[in-house]
Amino acid sequence: MPRHHADDPDIHEEGVQRTPDVRLVDDARAWMMQKSARYTVHYGENLRFAGQHLPPPDVLRVPTRHGEVDVHLYLPEDPDGPPPVYVHFHGGAFLMRYPEMDDWWCRYLAATAGVAVANVDFDVAPQVRYPVAQEQGHDVAAWLAQHGDGVGVDGTRLVVGGFSSGGQVAASVCLQARDHGTFTPVLQVLGVPALDLAAEVTDTQGMVGPALRRLVRRTYFPDVERRSEPYASPSLARDLGGLPPTVVLTAERDALCREGNLYATRLRAAGVDVTHDVTPGVDHYFLTEDPLRARWTMMLVAARVRTACGLPPRSAD
């Protein structure tokens, strides 16, 4: 998720019906954030230490119930047969349609975990509202699970993951897959995820401040009643049993830390195999803020991905 501090006044209560003028202002703010993302988002640039030699990703057009979606497919170097596939959902507060913000991460996983990485260019507000992104995410993952051989990947070994709002999409996708029996991920990776869009926004400051969180609710989740649905707020799902093994990454000072920590606790209580790592002393940009610690965290994820996909441990360089 991009860095947008929430020090501007926000006088519109989340549950109050917005007037057309207020809706227009909110949508204009979201649109400006979306269009400026390629110029303002530089998260992860100091973590480009693996996979930079890989070629640009292929761009697939994958059908979904909301139309075709672009998927940027990164392939590992010299795989031994069709590689497993990691379906990735980028951050951006459900407002920024800019999958290139996570190019560094996709390259790292392709090079280090030995998997293909499908970086999904899902729709965002103000052009669409919930649940479009979540349903597009599910449909892309289900399509790759069923038709991966046609694009050179092994869809039977499929991981779902994402950062921030993308972590919410990943969690929602896994719940949908479980509930509808469409496919079975071997792992989900939830990085600093937003998992409760129904909770009252507190005045906690930081990178993900209250004004941004309220804007997200008003623009992408405008129907207050639907924010409590499990596909909108996975942490509110009644039953978390039957979900895939999970990696949860949270940051100690992040406004979303509590949501991720609670989800990890509930997953364990439901019998799910959970790896939960909390980066101490950092805010939402948990990897960039502590790049030395980030290398350990990234290696942890890559190792879990390899194990879940049935790949042998990576030999030491």
Protein backbone atom coordinates (compact mmCIF):
# COMPACT_ATOMS: atom_id res chain seq x y z
CA MET A 1 0.00 0.00 0.00
CA PRO A 2 1.36 3.44 -0.86
CA ARG A 3 2.40 6.01 1.70
CA HIS A 4 -0.50 8.41 2.28
CA HIS A 5 -0.54 10.06 5.67
CA ALA A 6 -3.98 10.83 7.06
CA ASP A 7 -3.55 14.32 8.44
CA ASP A 8 -6.23 15.91 6.24
CA PRO A 9 -9.67 16.43 7.80
CA ASP A 10 -12.31 13.81 7.11
CA ILE A 11 -15.70 14.98 8.32
CA HIS A 12 -17.91 12.34 6.69
CA GLU A 13 -18.91 9.50 8.99
CA GLU A 14 -18.60 6.04 7.43
CA GLY A 15 -22.16 5.00 8.07
CA VAL A 16 -23.83 8.20 6.85
CA GLN A 17 -25.38 8.26 3.38
CA ARG A 18 -23.12 10.28 1.11
CA THR A 19 -24.55 13.03 -1.06
CA PRO A 20 -23.76 12.97 -4.81
CA ASP A 21 -21.27 15.80 -4.29
CA VAL A 22 -19.43 13.91 -1.55
CA ARG A 23 -19.37 10.75 -3.66
CA LEU A 24 -17.91 12.72 -6.54
CA VAL A 25 -15.16 14.18 -4.35
CA ASP A 26 -14.31 10.76 -2.90
CA ASP A 27 -14.17 9.16 -6.33
CA ALA A 28 -12.02 11.99 -7.66
CA ARG A 29 -9.54 11.51 -4.80
CA ALA A 30 -9.43 7.77 -5.47
CA TRP A 31 -8.97 8.33 -9.20
CA MET A 32 -6.09 10.78 -8.62
CA MET A 33 -4.34 8.31 -6.30
CA GLN A 34 -4.79 5.58 -8.89
CA LYS A 35 -3.42 7.61 -11.79
CA SER A 36 -0.46 8.96 -9.82
CA ALA A 37 0.64 5.58 -8.45
CA ARG A 38 3.29 4.90 -11.07
CA TYR A 39 4.95 8.19 -10.13
CA THR A 40 4.54 8.05 -6.34
CA VAL A 41 4.93 4.40 -5.37
CA HIS A 42 8.53 3.25 -4.97
CA TYR A 43 8.04 0.57 -2.34
CA GLY A 44 10.55 -2.28 -2.56
CA GLU A 45 13.08 -0.61 -4.84
CA ASN A 46 15.81 -1.24 -2.25
CA LEU A 47 14.93 -4.95 -2.23
CA ARG A 48 15.77 -5.69 -5.86
CA PHE A 49 18.51 -8.22 -5.15
CA ALA A 50 17.21 -11.34 -6.93
CA GLY A 51 15.55 -12.04 -10.24
CA GLN A 52 16.53 -8.83 -11.98
CA HIS A 53 18.04 -10.86 -14.83
CA LEU A 54 14.70 -12.45 -15.64
CA PRO A 55 12.93 -11.18 -18.78
CA PRO A 56 9.84 -8.98 -18.62
CA PRO A 57 6.69 -10.89 -17.72
CA ASP A 58 4.33 -12.21 -20.35
CA VAL A 59 0.88 -10.61 -20.19
CA LEU A 60 -2.04 -13.04 -20.24
CA ARG A 61 -5.71 -12.14 -20.69
CA VAL A 62 -7.67 -14.31 -18.27
CA PRO A 63 -11.48 -14.52 -18.35
CA THR A 64 -13.48 -13.68 -15.21
CA ARG A 65 -17.15 -13.05 -14.47
CA HIS A 66 -16.31 -9.31 -14.65
CA GLY A 67 -14.49 -9.44 -17.96
CA GLU A 68 -10.93 -10.28 -18.95
CA VAL A 69 -8.12 -9.36 -16.58
CA ASP A 70 -4.45 -8.83 -17.39
CA VAL A 71 -2.08 -11.17 -15.56
CA HIS A 72 1.66 -10.51 -15.63
CA LEU A 73 3.32 -13.93 -15.67
CA TYR A 74 6.93 -14.18 -14.48
CA LEU A 75 8.67 -17.48 -15.23
CA PRO A 76 11.61 -18.96 -13.30
CA GLU A 77 14.84 -19.71 -15.07
CA ASP A 78 15.24 -23.24 -16.50
CA PRO A 79 12.43 -24.98 -14.58
CA ASP A 80 12.37 -28.77 -14.48
CA GLY A 81 8.98 -29.13 -16.15
CA PRO A 82 5.98 -26.81 -15.70
CA PRO A 83 6.65 -24.82 -12.51
CA PRO A 84 4.14 -24.30 -9.69
CA VAL A 85 2.37 -20.95 -9.81
CA TYR A 86 2.09 -18.23 -7.17
CA VAL A 87 -0.95 -16.00 -7.79
CA HIS A 88 -0.10 -12.57 -6.41
CA PHE A 89 -2.32 -9.59 -5.57
CA HIS A 90 -0.60 -6.23 -5.18
CA GLY A 91 -1.40 -3.57 -2.60
CA GLY A 92 -2.73 -0.09 -3.16
CA ALA A 93 -5.76 0.31 -0.85
CA PHE A 94 -8.22 -1.02 -3.45
CA LEU A 95 -7.61 2.32 -5.21
CA MET A 96 -4.38 1.86 -7.15
CA ARG A 97 -4.35 -0.37 -10.21
CA TYR A 98 -0.59 -0.67 -10.52
CA PRO A 99 0.70 -4.27 -10.37
CA GLU A 100 4.21 -3.12 -11.30
CA MET A 101 4.61 -1.86 -7.71
CA ASP A 102 5.38 -5.48 -6.74
CA ASP A 103 7.65 -6.32 -9.69
CA TRP A 104 10.58 -6.69 -7.26
CA TRP A 105 8.66 -9.29 -5.21
CA CYS A 106 7.50 -11.27 -8.24
CA ARG A 107 11.05 -11.44 -9.58
CA TYR A 108 12.39 -12.46 -6.18
CA LEU A 109 9.94 -15.37 -5.84
CA ALA A 110 10.43 -16.56 -9.40
CA ALA A 111 14.21 -16.59 -8.96
CA THR A 112 14.37 -17.85 -5.37
CA ALA A 113 11.31 -20.05 -4.89
CA GLY A 114 11.47 -21.46 -8.42
CA VAL A 115 7.79 -20.78 -9.14
CA ALA A 116 5.96 -18.89 -11.85
CA VAL A 117 4.38 -15.74 -10.44
CA ALA A 118 1.05 -14.50 -11.81
CA ASN A 119 0.71 -10.84 -10.81
CA VAL A 120 -2.98 -9.98 -11.22
CA ASP A 121 -4.07 -6.57 -12.55
CA PHE A 122 -7.49 -6.54 -10.88
CA ASP A 123 -9.98 -3.65 -11.04
CA VAL A 124 -10.18 -1.03 -8.29
CA ALA A 125 -12.28 1.94 -7.14
CA PRO A 126 -13.69 4.25 -8.33
CA GLN A 127 -14.31 2.25 -11.51
CA VAL A 128 -15.67 -0.73 -9.58
CA ARG A 129 -16.89 -1.54 -6.05
CA TYR A 130 -16.75 -4.60 -3.82
CA PRO A 131 -16.82 -7.53 -4.60
CA VAL A 132 -15.41 -7.10 -8.13
CA ALA A 133 -11.68 -7.38 -7.24
CA GLN A 134 -12.27 -10.33 -4.93
CA GLU A 135 -14.29 -12.21 -7.56
CA GLN A 136 -11.80 -11.39 -10.31
CA GLY A 137 -9.02 -12.69 -8.05
CA HIS A 138 -10.87 -15.93 -7.42
CA ASP A 139 -11.67 -16.45 -11.09
CA VAL A 140 -8.07 -15.85 -12.19
CA ALA A 141 -6.72 -18.32 -9.62
CA ALA A 142 -9.40 -20.90 -10.51
CA TRP A 143 -8.62 -20.49 -14.22
CA LEU A 144 -4.91 -21.03 -13.63
CA ALA A 145 -5.67 -24.06 -11.46
CA GLN A 146 -7.71 -25.58 -14.29
CA HIS A 147 -5.90 -24.30 -17.39
CA GLY A 148 -2.35 -23.68 -16.20
CA ASP A 149 -0.90 -26.32 -18.48
CA GLY A 150 -1.99 -24.18 -21.43
CA VAL A 151 0.30 -21.35 -20.32
CA GLY A 152 3.18 -23.53 -19.14
CA VAL A 153 2.52 -23.72 -15.38
CA ASP A 154 1.36 -26.46 -13.02
CA GLY A 155 -2.01 -25.31 -11.71
CA THR A 156 -2.25 -28.26 -9.33
CA ARG A 157 0.49 -26.64 -7.24
CA LEU A 158 -0.90 -23.16 -6.74
CA VAL A 159 -0.14 -20.61 -4.01
CA VAL A 160 -2.24 -17.49 -3.37
CA GLY A 161 -0.67 -14.41 -1.81
CA GLY A 162 -0.73 -10.64 -1.54
CA PHE A 163 0.33 -7.53 0.34
CA SER A 164 -1.94 -5.11 2.22
CA SER A 165 -5.23 -4.80 0.28
CA GLY A 166 -3.85 -7.58 -1.89
CA GLY A 167 -3.54 -9.68 1.26
CA GLN A 168 -7.26 -9.15 1.80
CA VAL A 169 -7.96 -10.27 -1.78
CA ALA A 170 -5.77 -13.36 -1.26
CA ALA A 171 -7.59 -14.30 1.95
CA SER A 172 -10.95 -13.74 0.26
CA VAL A 173 -9.92 -15.86 -2.73
CA CYS A 174 -9.00 -18.78 -0.46
CA LEU A 175 -12.31 -18.53 1.39
CA GLN A 176 -14.20 -18.49 -1.91
CA ALA A 177 -12.22 -21.47 -3.22
CA ARG A 178 -12.99 -23.44 -0.05
CA ASP A 179 -16.67 -22.51 0.00
CA HIS A 180 -17.30 -23.24 -3.68
CA GLY A 181 -14.87 -26.16 -4.10
CA THR A 182 -13.30 -24.60 -7.18
CA PHE A 183 -9.63 -25.33 -6.43
CA THR A 184 -7.33 -26.09 -3.50
CA PRO A 185 -4.35 -23.77 -2.90
CA VAL A 186 -1.33 -25.45 -1.36
CA LEU A 187 -0.49 -22.26 0.61
CA GLN A 188 -1.68 -18.70 1.21
CA VAL A 189 0.72 -15.84 2.01
CA LEU A 190 -0.83 -12.79 3.67
CA GLY A 191 1.52 -9.81 3.99
CA VAL A 192 0.37 -6.93 6.27
CA PRO A 193 -3.22 -7.78 5.24
CA ALA A 194 -6.36 -5.69 5.66
CA LEU A 195 -8.81 -8.24 7.02
CA ASP A 196 -11.56 -6.31 8.81
CA LEU A 197 -13.29 -3.64 6.72
CA ALA A 198 -16.28 -3.51 9.05
CA ALA A 199 -14.47 -2.36 12.18
CA GLU A 200 -14.75 1.25 13.28
CA VAL A 201 -11.73 3.23 12.13
CA THR A 202 -9.65 4.48 15.05
CA ASP A 203 -7.41 7.52 15.06
CA THR A 204 -4.20 5.48 15.05
CA GLN A 205 -1.67 7.37 12.97
CA GLY A 206 0.95 5.97 10.59
CA MET A 207 1.28 5.02 6.97
CA VAL A 208 -2.26 3.62 6.87
CA GLY A 209 -3.99 6.47 8.65
CA PRO A 210 -7.69 6.92 9.43
CA ALA A 211 -8.50 9.23 6.50
CA LEU A 212 -7.18 6.70 3.99
CA ARG A 213 -8.98 3.80 5.68
CA ARG A 214 -12.25 5.76 5.65
CA LEU A 215 -11.77 6.68 2.01
CA VAL A 216 -11.28 3.02 1.13
CA ARG A 217 -14.50 2.10 2.91
CA ARG A 218 -16.51 4.86 1.26
CA THR A 219 -15.22 4.26 -2.27
CA TYR A 220 -14.59 0.52 -2.64
CA PHE A 221 -16.86 -0.75 0.18
CA PRO A 222 -19.70 1.84 0.06
CA ASP A 223 -22.39 -0.63 1.19
CA VAL A 224 -21.94 -0.60 4.97
CA GLU A 225 -23.86 -3.84 5.49
CA ARG A 226 -21.70 -5.79 3.05
CA ARG A 227 -18.45 -4.86 4.84
CA SER A 228 -19.18 -7.63 7.37
CA GLU A 229 -19.32 -10.35 4.73
CA PRO A 230 -16.46 -12.85 5.06
CA TYR A 231 -15.23 -12.12 1.53
CA ALA A 232 -14.91 -8.45 2.53
CA SER A 233 -13.69 -9.01 6.10
CA PRO A 234 -12.10 -12.47 6.24
CA SER A 235 -11.36 -12.12 9.95
CA LEU A 236 -15.13 -12.07 10.55
CA ALA A 237 -15.73 -15.42 8.85
CA ARG A 238 -17.44 -17.79 11.28
CA ASP A 239 -15.42 -20.83 10.23
CA LEU A 240 -11.78 -20.80 9.12
CA GLY A 241 -11.41 -24.57 9.00
CA GLY A 242 -10.34 -26.18 5.76
CA LEU A 243 -8.20 -23.27 4.60
CA PRO A 244 -4.71 -23.95 3.22
CA PRO A 245 -1.51 -23.68 5.26
CA THR A 246 -0.87 -19.99 5.79
CA VAL A 247 1.99 -17.54 6.19
CA VAL A 248 0.92 -14.33 7.97
CA LEU A 249 3.36 -11.41 7.99
CA THR A 250 2.57 -8.44 10.22
CA ALA A 251 4.41 -5.29 11.33
CA GLU A 252 4.49 -4.18 14.96
CA ARG A 253 3.55 -0.50 14.39
CA ASP A 254 1.18 -1.06 11.47
CA ALA A 255 -2.46 -0.01 11.96
CA LEU A 256 -3.41 -3.35 10.38
CA CYS A 257 -1.22 -5.44 12.70
CA ARG A 258 -4.03 -6.43 15.04
CA GLU A 259 -6.14 -7.76 12.16
CA GLY A 260 -3.34 -9.98 10.89
CA ASN A 261 -2.39 -11.22 14.36
CA LEU A 262 -6.01 -12.09 15.14
CA TYR A 263 -6.40 -13.96 11.86
CA ALA A 264 -3.28 -16.02 12.55
CA THR A 265 -4.63 -16.91 16.01
CA ARG A 266 -8.04 -17.89 14.64
CA LEU A 267 -6.53 -19.95 11.83
CA ARG A 268 -4.45 -21.94 14.33
CA ALA A 269 -7.52 -22.48 16.50
CA ALA A 270 -9.30 -23.86 13.43
CA GLY A 271 -6.53 -26.40 12.87
CA VAL A 272 -4.73 -24.61 10.03
CA ASP A 273 -0.93 -24.84 9.85
CA VAL A 274 0.23 -21.23 10.39
CA THR A 275 3.61 -19.55 10.14
CA HIS A 276 3.25 -16.12 11.74
CA ASP A 277 6.09 -13.60 11.64
CA VAL A 278 5.93 -10.13 13.19
CA THR A 279 8.60 -7.62 12.13
CA PRO A 280 9.38 -5.55 15.24
CA GLY A 281 9.49 -1.76 15.34
CA VAL A 282 8.21 -1.05 11.81
CA ASP A 283 5.09 0.34 10.18
CA HIS A 284 3.19 -0.85 7.08
CA TYR A 285 6.22 -0.74 4.77
CA PHE A 286 7.68 -3.49 6.91
CA LEU A 287 10.17 -4.86 4.37
CA THR A 288 11.51 -1.55 3.07
CA GLU A 289 11.88 -0.07 6.57
CA ASP A 290 14.22 -2.84 7.70
CA PRO A 291 15.88 -4.29 4.57
CA LEU A 292 18.28 -6.46 6.55
CA ARG A 293 15.42 -8.11 8.44
CA ALA A 294 13.50 -8.19 5.16
CA ARG A 295 15.99 -10.59 3.61
CA TRP A 296 15.25 -13.09 6.37
CA THR A 297 11.49 -12.62 5.99
CA MET A 298 11.67 -13.02 2.21
CA MET A 299 13.79 -16.17 2.54
CA LEU A 300 11.24 -17.54 5.02
CA VAL A 301 8.41 -17.05 2.53
CA ALA A 302 10.38 -18.50 -0.38
CA ALA A 303 11.25 -21.59 1.67
CA ARG A 304 7.62 -22.10 2.70
CA VAL A 305 6.51 -21.71 -0.92
CA ARG A 306 9.04 -24.28 -2.11
CA THR A 307 8.01 -26.77 0.56
CA ALA A 308 4.29 -26.31 -0.10
CA CYS A 309 4.86 -26.82 -3.82
CA GLY A 310 6.91 -29.97 -3.32
CA LEU A 311 10.17 -28.43 -4.50
CA PRO A 312 13.45 -29.41 -2.84
CA PRO A 313 15.16 -26.94 -0.52
CA ARG A 314 17.24 -24.39 -2.35
CA SER A 315 20.95 -25.12 -2.12
CA ALA A 316 23.13 -22.49 -0.48
CA ASP A 317 24.89 -20.12 -2.88
